[in-house]
Amino acid sequence: MSRWGIAGVGLLFVIGVWLVAAPFVTGEQPDSATWTAATRNDVIVGAVLALLGFTGFFTVLAGHIADMYAKGPQPPAQR
């Protein structure tokens, strides 16, 4: 995956985290009140996006590690 792809996955994670935090940081969700429909929507969608970004990042990382092992020194051929 290119650097742009990795940046996109990272951006997806950051956007998800912001969506989860935004109703509370901006004051749209009052303290000690039941969650509004908009807050529930932001938290659910944000959690899904953050999870996708997190999973995507570690999938890319696992792919890079597999490539490193494949390109590493090979054991000598047995006779």
PDB file of N, CA and C in Angstrom:
ATOM      1  N   MET A   1       0.860  -1.175   0.000  1.00  0.00           N
ATOM      2  CA  MET A   1       0.000   0.000   0.000  1.00  0.00           C
ATOM      3  C   MET A   1       0.899   1.228   0.000  1.00  0.00           C
ATOM      4  N   SER A   2       0.501   2.220  -0.730  1.00  0.00           N
ATOM      5  CA  SER A   2       1.307   3.430  -0.843  1.00  0.00           C
ATOM      6  C   SER A   2       1.188   4.285   0.417  1.00  0.00           C
ATOM      7  N   ARG A   3       2.017   5.287   0.447  1.00  0.00           N
ATOM      8  CA  ARG A   3       1.958   6.213   1.589  1.00  0.00           C
ATOM      9  C   ARG A   3       0.619   6.939   1.635  1.00  0.00           C
ATOM     10  N   TRP A   4       0.038   7.191   0.454  1.00  0.00           N
ATOM     11  CA  TRP A   4      -1.271   7.839   0.419  1.00  0.00           C
ATOM     12  C   TRP A   4      -2.341   6.934   1.014  1.00  0.00           C
ATOM     13  N   GLY A   5      -2.219   5.650   0.775  1.00  0.00           N
ATOM     14  CA  GLY A   5      -3.175   4.700   1.346  1.00  0.00           C
ATOM     15  C   GLY A   5      -3.069   4.633   2.851  1.00  0.00           C
ATOM     16  N   ILE A   6      -1.829   4.608   3.340  1.00  0.00           N
ATOM     17  CA  ILE A   6      -1.623   4.581   4.788  1.00  0.00           C
ATOM     18  C   ILE A   6      -2.143   5.867   5.418  1.00  0.00           C
ATOM     19  N   ALA A   7      -1.889   6.992   4.742  1.00  0.00           N
ATOM     20  CA  ALA A   7      -2.398   8.269   5.250  1.00  0.00           C
ATOM     21  C   ALA A   7      -3.930   8.270   5.259  1.00  0.00           C
ATOM     22  N   GLY A   8      -4.537   7.671   4.240  1.00  0.00           N
ATOM     23  CA  GLY A   8      -5.997   7.599   4.183  1.00  0.00           C
ATOM     24  C   GLY A   8      -6.576   6.768   5.315  1.00  0.00           C
ATOM     25  N   VAL A   9      -5.924   5.651   5.621  1.00  0.00           N
ATOM     26  CA  VAL A   9      -6.382   4.799   6.721  1.00  0.00           C
ATOM     27  C   VAL A   9      -6.222   5.541   8.052  1.00  0.00           C
ATOM     28  N   GLY A  10      -5.109   6.252   8.202  1.00  0.00           N
ATOM     29  CA  GLY A  10      -4.905   7.049   9.418  1.00  0.00           C
ATOM     30  C   GLY A  10      -5.929   8.155   9.552  1.00  0.00           C
ATOM     31  N   LEU A  11      -6.239   8.797   8.429  1.00  0.00           N
ATOM     32  CA  LEU A  11      -7.251   9.853   8.442  1.00  0.00           C
ATOM     33  C   LEU A  11      -8.622   9.295   8.786  1.00  0.00           C
ATOM     34  N   LEU A  12      -8.929   8.114   8.287  1.00  0.00           N
ATOM     35  CA  LEU A  12     -10.189   7.453   8.616  1.00  0.00           C
ATOM     36  C   LEU A  12     -10.296   7.222  10.123  1.00  0.00           C
ATOM     37  N   PHE A  13      -9.197   6.779  10.742  1.00  0.00           N
ATOM     38  CA  PHE A  13      -9.179   6.564  12.188  1.00  0.00           C
ATOM     39  C   PHE A  13      -9.391   7.879  12.945  1.00  0.00           C
ATOM     40  N   VAL A  14      -8.691   8.927  12.529  1.00  0.00           N
ATOM     41  CA  VAL A  14      -8.798  10.224  13.215  1.00  0.00           C
ATOM     42  C   VAL A  14     -10.207  10.790  13.077  1.00  0.00           C
ATOM     43  N   ILE A  15     -10.803  10.672  11.906  1.00  0.00           N
ATOM     44  CA  ILE A  15     -12.176  11.156  11.710  1.00  0.00           C
ATOM     45  C   ILE A  15     -13.144  10.381  12.599  1.00  0.00           C
ATOM     46  N   GLY A  16     -12.946   9.064  12.695  1.00  0.00           N
ATOM     47  CA  GLY A  16     -13.804   8.262  13.562  1.00  0.00           C
ATOM     48  C   GLY A  16     -13.706   8.675  15.022  1.00  0.00           C
ATOM     49  N   VAL A  17     -12.478   8.905  15.480  1.00  0.00           N
ATOM     50  CA  VAL A  17     -12.289   9.325  16.874  1.00  0.00           C
ATOM     51  C   VAL A  17     -12.938  10.690  17.101  1.00  0.00           C
ATOM     52  N   TRP A  18     -12.797  11.586  16.123  1.00  0.00           N
ATOM     53  CA  TRP A  18     -13.421  12.902  16.275  1.00  0.00           C
ATOM     54  C   TRP A  18     -14.937  12.788  16.331  1.00  0.00           C
ATOM     55  N   LEU A  19     -15.520  11.935  15.497  1.00  0.00           N
ATOM     56  CA  LEU A  19     -16.975  11.789  15.526  1.00  0.00           C
ATOM     57  C   LEU A  19     -17.465  11.269  16.870  1.00  0.00           C
ATOM     58  N   VAL A  20     -16.705  10.397  17.484  1.00  0.00           N
ATOM     59  CA  VAL A  20     -17.094   9.894  18.807  1.00  0.00           C
ATOM     60  C   VAL A  20     -17.008  11.013  19.838  1.00  0.00           C
ATOM     61  N   ALA A  21     -15.961  11.824  19.775  1.00  0.00           N
ATOM     62  CA  ALA A  21     -15.734  12.851  20.801  1.00  0.00           C
ATOM     63  C   ALA A  21     -16.501  14.150  20.551  1.00  0.00           C
ATOM     64  N   ALA A  22     -16.845  14.443  19.310  1.00  0.00           N
ATOM     65  CA  ALA A  22     -17.392  15.755  18.953  1.00  0.00           C
ATOM     66  C   ALA A  22     -18.634  16.189  19.739  1.00  0.00           C
ATOM     67  N   PRO A  23     -19.632  15.321  19.932  1.00  0.00           N
ATOM     68  CA  PRO A  23     -20.812  15.807  20.657  1.00  0.00           C
ATOM     69  C   PRO A  23     -20.491  16.268  22.084  1.00  0.00           C
ATOM     70  N   PHE A  24     -19.491  15.685  22.679  1.00  0.00           N
ATOM     71  CA  PHE A  24     -19.151  16.019  24.057  1.00  0.00           C
ATOM     72  C   PHE A  24     -18.204  17.213  24.117  1.00  0.00           C
ATOM     73  N   VAL A  25     -17.283  17.289  23.157  1.00  0.00           N
ATOM     74  CA  VAL A  25     -16.316  18.383  23.122  1.00  0.00           C
ATOM     75  C   VAL A  25     -16.988  19.697  22.745  1.00  0.00           C
ATOM     76  N   THR A  26     -17.890  19.654  21.795  1.00  0.00           N
ATOM     77  CA  THR A  26     -18.552  20.877  21.328  1.00  0.00           C
ATOM     78  C   THR A  26     -19.716  21.303  22.217  1.00  0.00           C
ATOM     79  N   GLY A  27     -20.146  20.450  23.136  1.00  0.00           N
ATOM     80  CA  GLY A  27     -21.234  20.800  24.034  1.00  0.00           C
ATOM     81  C   GLY A  27     -22.616  20.527  23.471  1.00  0.00           C
ATOM     82  N   GLU A  28     -22.701  19.822  22.361  1.00  0.00           N
ATOM     83  CA  GLU A  28     -24.003  19.492  21.777  1.00  0.00           C
ATOM     84  C   GLU A  28     -24.767  18.480  22.633  1.00  0.00           C
ATOM     85  N   GLN A  29     -24.039  17.646  23.356  1.00  0.00           N
ATOM     86  CA  GLN A  29     -24.664  16.667  24.238  1.00  0.00           C
ATOM     87  C   GLN A  29     -24.537  17.168  25.675  1.00  0.00           C
ATOM     88  N   PRO A  30     -25.634  17.558  26.291  1.00  0.00           N
ATOM     89  CA  PRO A  30     -25.575  18.067  27.668  1.00  0.00           C
ATOM     90  C   PRO A  30     -25.130  16.970  28.650  1.00  0.00           C
ATOM     91  N   ASP A  31     -24.424  17.411  29.669  1.00  0.00           N
ATOM     92  CA  ASP A  31     -23.992  16.472  30.710  1.00  0.00           C
ATOM     93  C   ASP A  31     -25.204  15.902  31.434  1.00  0.00           C
ATOM     94  N   SER A  32     -25.106  14.670  31.827  1.00  0.00           N
ATOM     95  CA  SER A  32     -26.112  13.932  32.593  1.00  0.00           C
ATOM     96  C   SER A  32     -27.497  13.938  31.934  1.00  0.00           C
ATOM     97  N   ALA A  33     -27.531  14.027  30.621  1.00  0.00           N
ATOM     98  CA  ALA A  33     -28.794  13.930  29.890  1.00  0.00           C
ATOM     99  C   ALA A  33     -28.749  12.670  29.039  1.00  0.00           C
ATOM    100  N   THR A  34     -29.920  12.138  28.710  1.00  0.00           N
ATOM    101  CA  THR A  34     -29.927  10.971  27.828  1.00  0.00           C
ATOM    102  C   THR A  34     -29.395  11.394  26.457  1.00  0.00           C
ATOM    103  N   TRP A  35     -28.739  10.462  25.793  1.00  0.00           N
ATOM    104  CA  TRP A  35     -28.144  10.779  24.499  1.00  0.00           C
ATOM    105  C   TRP A  35     -29.224  11.071  23.473  1.00  0.00           C
ATOM    106  N   THR A  36     -28.986  12.086  22.689  1.00  0.00           N
ATOM    107  CA  THR A  36     -29.900  12.399  21.599  1.00  0.00           C
ATOM    108  C   THR A  36     -29.633  11.434  20.440  1.00  0.00           C
ATOM    109  N   ALA A  37     -30.541  11.436  19.484  1.00  0.00           N
ATOM    110  CA  ALA A  37     -30.366  10.573  18.311  1.00  0.00           C
ATOM    111  C   ALA A  37     -29.107  10.961  17.542  1.00  0.00           C
ATOM    112  N   ALA A  38     -28.813  12.244  17.468  1.00  0.00           N
ATOM    113  CA  ALA A  38     -27.612  12.698  16.758  1.00  0.00           C
ATOM    114  C   ALA A  38     -26.345  12.229  17.465  1.00  0.00           C
ATOM    115  N   THR A  39     -26.344  12.248  18.788  1.00  0.00           N
ATOM    116  CA  THR A  39     -25.177  11.779  19.534  1.00  0.00           C
ATOM    117  C   THR A  39     -24.978  10.290  19.331  1.00  0.00           C
ATOM    118  N   ARG A  40     -26.073   9.523  19.412  1.00  0.00           N
ATOM    119  CA  ARG A  40     -25.964   8.075  19.178  1.00  0.00           C
ATOM    120  C   ARG A  40     -25.421   7.794  17.780  1.00  0.00           C
ATOM    121  N   ASN A  41     -25.922   8.524  16.805  1.00  0.00           N
ATOM    122  CA  ASN A  41     -25.465   8.348  15.431  1.00  0.00           C
ATOM    123  C   ASN A  41     -23.975   8.677  15.305  1.00  0.00           C
ATOM    124  N   ASP A  42     -23.545   9.799  15.869  1.00  0.00           N
ATOM    125  CA  ASP A  42     -22.130  10.180  15.808  1.00  0.00           C
ATOM    126  C   ASP A  42     -21.244   9.136  16.465  1.00  0.00           C
ATOM    127  N   VAL A  43     -21.639   8.645  17.617  1.00  0.00           N
ATOM    128  CA  VAL A  43     -20.820   7.674  18.342  1.00  0.00           C
ATOM    129  C   VAL A  43     -20.754   6.347  17.587  1.00  0.00           C
ATOM    130  N   ILE A  44     -21.858   5.881  17.063  1.00  0.00           N
ATOM    131  CA  ILE A  44     -21.866   4.593  16.350  1.00  0.00           C
ATOM    132  C   ILE A  44     -21.057   4.688  15.056  1.00  0.00           C
ATOM    133  N   VAL A  45     -21.335   5.711  14.248  1.00  0.00           N
ATOM    134  CA  VAL A  45     -20.605   5.866  12.984  1.00  0.00           C
ATOM    135  C   VAL A  45     -19.122   6.128  13.247  1.00  0.00           C
ATOM    136  N   GLY A  46     -18.824   6.943  14.243  1.00  0.00           N
ATOM    137  CA  GLY A  46     -17.437   7.222  14.585  1.00  0.00           C
ATOM    138  C   GLY A  46     -16.701   5.978  15.058  1.00  0.00           C
ATOM    139  N   ALA A  47     -17.360   5.154  15.856  1.00  0.00           N
ATOM    140  CA  ALA A  47     -16.733   3.926  16.338  1.00  0.00           C
ATOM    141  C   ALA A  47     -16.459   2.963  15.187  1.00  0.00           C
ATOM    142  N   VAL A  48     -17.389   2.875  14.254  1.00  0.00           N
ATOM    143  CA  VAL A  48     -17.185   1.995  13.089  1.00  0.00           C
ATOM    144  C   VAL A  48     -16.017   2.501  12.250  1.00  0.00           C
ATOM    145  N   LEU A  49     -15.966   3.814  11.986  1.00  0.00           N
ATOM    146  CA  LEU A  49     -14.870   4.367  11.197  1.00  0.00           C
ATOM    147  C   LEU A  49     -13.530   4.197  11.906  1.00  0.00           C
ATOM    148  N   ALA A  50     -13.489   4.444  13.207  1.00  0.00           N
ATOM    149  CA  ALA A  50     -12.249   4.281  13.954  1.00  0.00           C
ATOM    150  C   ALA A  50     -11.803   2.819  13.941  1.00  0.00           C
ATOM    151  N   LEU A  51     -12.739   1.907  14.079  1.00  0.00           N
ATOM    152  CA  LEU A  51     -12.398   0.482  14.040  1.00  0.00           C
ATOM    153  C   LEU A  51     -11.883   0.083  12.663  1.00  0.00           C
ATOM    154  N   LEU A  52     -12.498   0.576  11.611  1.00  0.00           N
ATOM    155  CA  LEU A  52     -12.012   0.292  10.259  1.00  0.00           C
ATOM    156  C   LEU A  52     -10.618   0.860  10.039  1.00  0.00           C
ATOM    157  N   GLY A  53     -10.380   2.068  10.495  1.00  0.00           N
ATOM    158  CA  GLY A  53      -9.057   2.666  10.367  1.00  0.00           C
ATOM    159  C   GLY A  53      -8.007   1.903  11.151  1.00  0.00           C
ATOM    160  N   PHE A  54      -8.348   1.508  12.364  1.00  0.00           N
ATOM    161  CA  PHE A  54      -7.441   0.743  13.222  1.00  0.00           C
ATOM    162  C   PHE A  54      -7.126  -0.607  12.592  1.00  0.00           C
ATOM    163  N   THR A  55      -8.152  -1.289  12.103  1.00  0.00           N
ATOM    164  CA  THR A  55      -7.972  -2.585  11.460  1.00  0.00           C
ATOM    165  C   THR A  55      -7.169  -2.445  10.176  1.00  0.00           C
ATOM    166  N   GLY A  56      -7.464  -1.427   9.398  1.00  0.00           N
ATOM    167  CA  GLY A  56      -6.726  -1.195   8.160  1.00  0.00           C
ATOM    168  C   GLY A  56      -5.260  -0.926   8.405  1.00  0.00           C
ATOM    169  N   PHE A  57      -4.958  -0.146   9.431  1.00  0.00           N
ATOM    170  CA  PHE A  57      -3.560   0.153   9.749  1.00  0.00           C
ATOM    171  C   PHE A  57      -2.796  -1.117  10.097  1.00  0.00           C
ATOM    172  N   PHE A  58      -3.369  -1.952  10.943  1.00  0.00           N
ATOM    173  CA  PHE A  58      -2.661  -3.162  11.341  1.00  0.00           C
ATOM    174  C   PHE A  58      -2.639  -4.215  10.235  1.00  0.00           C
ATOM    175  N   THR A  59      -3.601  -4.169   9.326  1.00  0.00           N
ATOM    176  CA  THR A  59      -3.545  -5.046   8.157  1.00  0.00           C
ATOM    177  C   THR A  59      -2.385  -4.639   7.254  1.00  0.00           C
ATOM    178  N   VAL A  60      -2.220  -3.345   7.040  1.00  0.00           N
ATOM    179  CA  VAL A  60      -1.092  -2.855   6.241  1.00  0.00           C
ATOM    180  C   VAL A  60       0.224  -3.192   6.931  1.00  0.00           C
ATOM    181  N   LEU A  61       0.281  -3.008   8.228  1.00  0.00           N
ATOM    182  CA  LEU A  61       1.493  -3.327   8.979  1.00  0.00           C
ATOM    183  C   LEU A  61       1.838  -4.806   8.858  1.00  0.00           C
ATOM    184  N   ALA A  62       0.851  -5.674   8.974  1.00  0.00           N
ATOM    185  CA  ALA A  62       1.094  -7.113   8.835  1.00  0.00           C
ATOM    186  C   ALA A  62       1.583  -7.447   7.431  1.00  0.00           C
ATOM    187  N   GLY A  63       1.059  -6.775   6.418  1.00  0.00           N
ATOM    188  CA  GLY A  63       1.509  -6.994   5.053  1.00  0.00           C
ATOM    189  C   GLY A  63       2.960  -6.581   4.858  1.00  0.00           C
ATOM    190  N   HIS A  64       3.337  -5.456   5.455  1.00  0.00           N
ATOM    191  CA  HIS A  64       4.727  -5.012   5.360  1.00  0.00           C
ATOM    192  C   HIS A  64       5.668  -5.975   6.076  1.00  0.00           C
ATOM    193  N   ILE A  65       5.259  -6.486   7.203  1.00  0.00           N
ATOM    194  CA  ILE A  65       6.093  -7.446   7.929  1.00  0.00           C
ATOM    195  C   ILE A  65       6.238  -8.729   7.129  1.00  0.00           C
ATOM    196  N   ALA A  66       5.156  -9.192   6.504  1.00  0.00           N
ATOM    197  CA  ALA A  66       5.234 -10.390   5.668  1.00  0.00           C
ATOM    198  C   ALA A  66       6.181 -10.164   4.492  1.00  0.00           C
ATOM    199  N   ASP A  67       6.146  -8.981   3.876  1.00  0.00           N
ATOM    200  CA  ASP A  67       7.064  -8.663   2.780  1.00  0.00           C
ATOM    201  C   ASP A  67       8.508  -8.644   3.260  1.00  0.00           C
ATOM    202  N   MET A  68       8.737  -8.103   4.453  1.00  0.00           N
ATOM    203  CA  MET A  68      10.097  -8.077   4.991  1.00  0.00           C
ATOM    204  C   MET A  68      10.630  -9.489   5.208  1.00  0.00           C
ATOM    205  N   TYR A  69       9.807 -10.358   5.715  1.00  0.00           N
ATOM    206  CA  TYR A  69      10.239 -11.748   5.905  1.00  0.00           C
ATOM    207  C   TYR A  69      10.488 -12.440   4.565  1.00  0.00           C
ATOM    208  N   ALA A  70       9.657 -12.140   3.574  1.00  0.00           N
ATOM    209  CA  ALA A  70       9.821 -12.780   2.263  1.00  0.00           C
ATOM    210  C   ALA A  70      11.099 -12.293   1.573  1.00  0.00           C
ATOM    211  N   LYS A  71      11.483 -11.049   1.782  1.00  0.00           N
ATOM    212  CA  LYS A  71      12.680 -10.495   1.147  1.00  0.00           C
ATOM    213  C   LYS A  71      13.942 -10.699   1.980  1.00  0.00           C
ATOM    214  N   GLY A  72      13.802 -11.236   3.177  1.00  0.00           N
ATOM    215  CA  GLY A  72      14.935 -11.437   4.066  1.00  0.00           C
ATOM    216  C   GLY A  72      15.846 -12.557   3.586  1.00  0.00           C
ATOM    217  N   PRO A  73      16.883 -12.807   4.341  1.00  0.00           N
ATOM    218  CA  PRO A  73      17.820 -13.866   3.951  1.00  0.00           C
ATOM    219  C   PRO A  73      17.114 -15.228   3.932  1.00  0.00           C
ATOM    220  N   GLN A  74      17.422 -16.006   2.913  1.00  0.00           N
ATOM    221  CA  GLN A  74      16.814 -17.328   2.739  1.00  0.00           C
ATOM    222  C   GLN A  74      17.730 -18.389   3.344  1.00  0.00           C
ATOM    223  N   PRO A  75      17.172 -19.424   3.926  1.00  0.00           N
ATOM    224  CA  PRO A  75      18.011 -20.500   4.464  1.00  0.00           C
ATOM    225  C   PRO A  75      18.720 -21.228   3.308  1.00  0.00           C
ATOM    226  N   PRO A  76      19.893 -21.776   3.577  1.00  0.00           N
ATOM    227  CA  PRO A  76      20.611 -22.485   2.515  1.00  0.00           C
ATOM    228  C   PRO A  76      19.836 -23.723   2.073  1.00  0.00           C
ATOM    229  N   ALA A  77      19.926 -24.023   0.786  1.00  0.00           N
ATOM    230  CA  ALA A  77      19.226 -25.177   0.241  1.00  0.00           C
ATOM    231  C   ALA A  77      19.832 -26.478   0.781  1.00  0.00           C
ATOM    232  N   GLN A  78      18.989 -27.416   1.135  1.00  0.00           N
ATOM    233  CA  GLN A  78      19.476 -28.691   1.645  1.00  0.00           C
ATOM    234  C   GLN A  78      19.708 -29.638   0.486  1.00  0.00           C
ATOM    235  N   ARG A  79      20.723 -30.497   0.607  1.00  0.00           N
ATOM    236  CA  ARG A  79      21.048 -31.450  -0.462  1.00  0.00           C
ATOM    237  C   ARG A  79      20.479 -32.791  -0.176  1.00  0.00           C
TER     238      ARG A  79
END
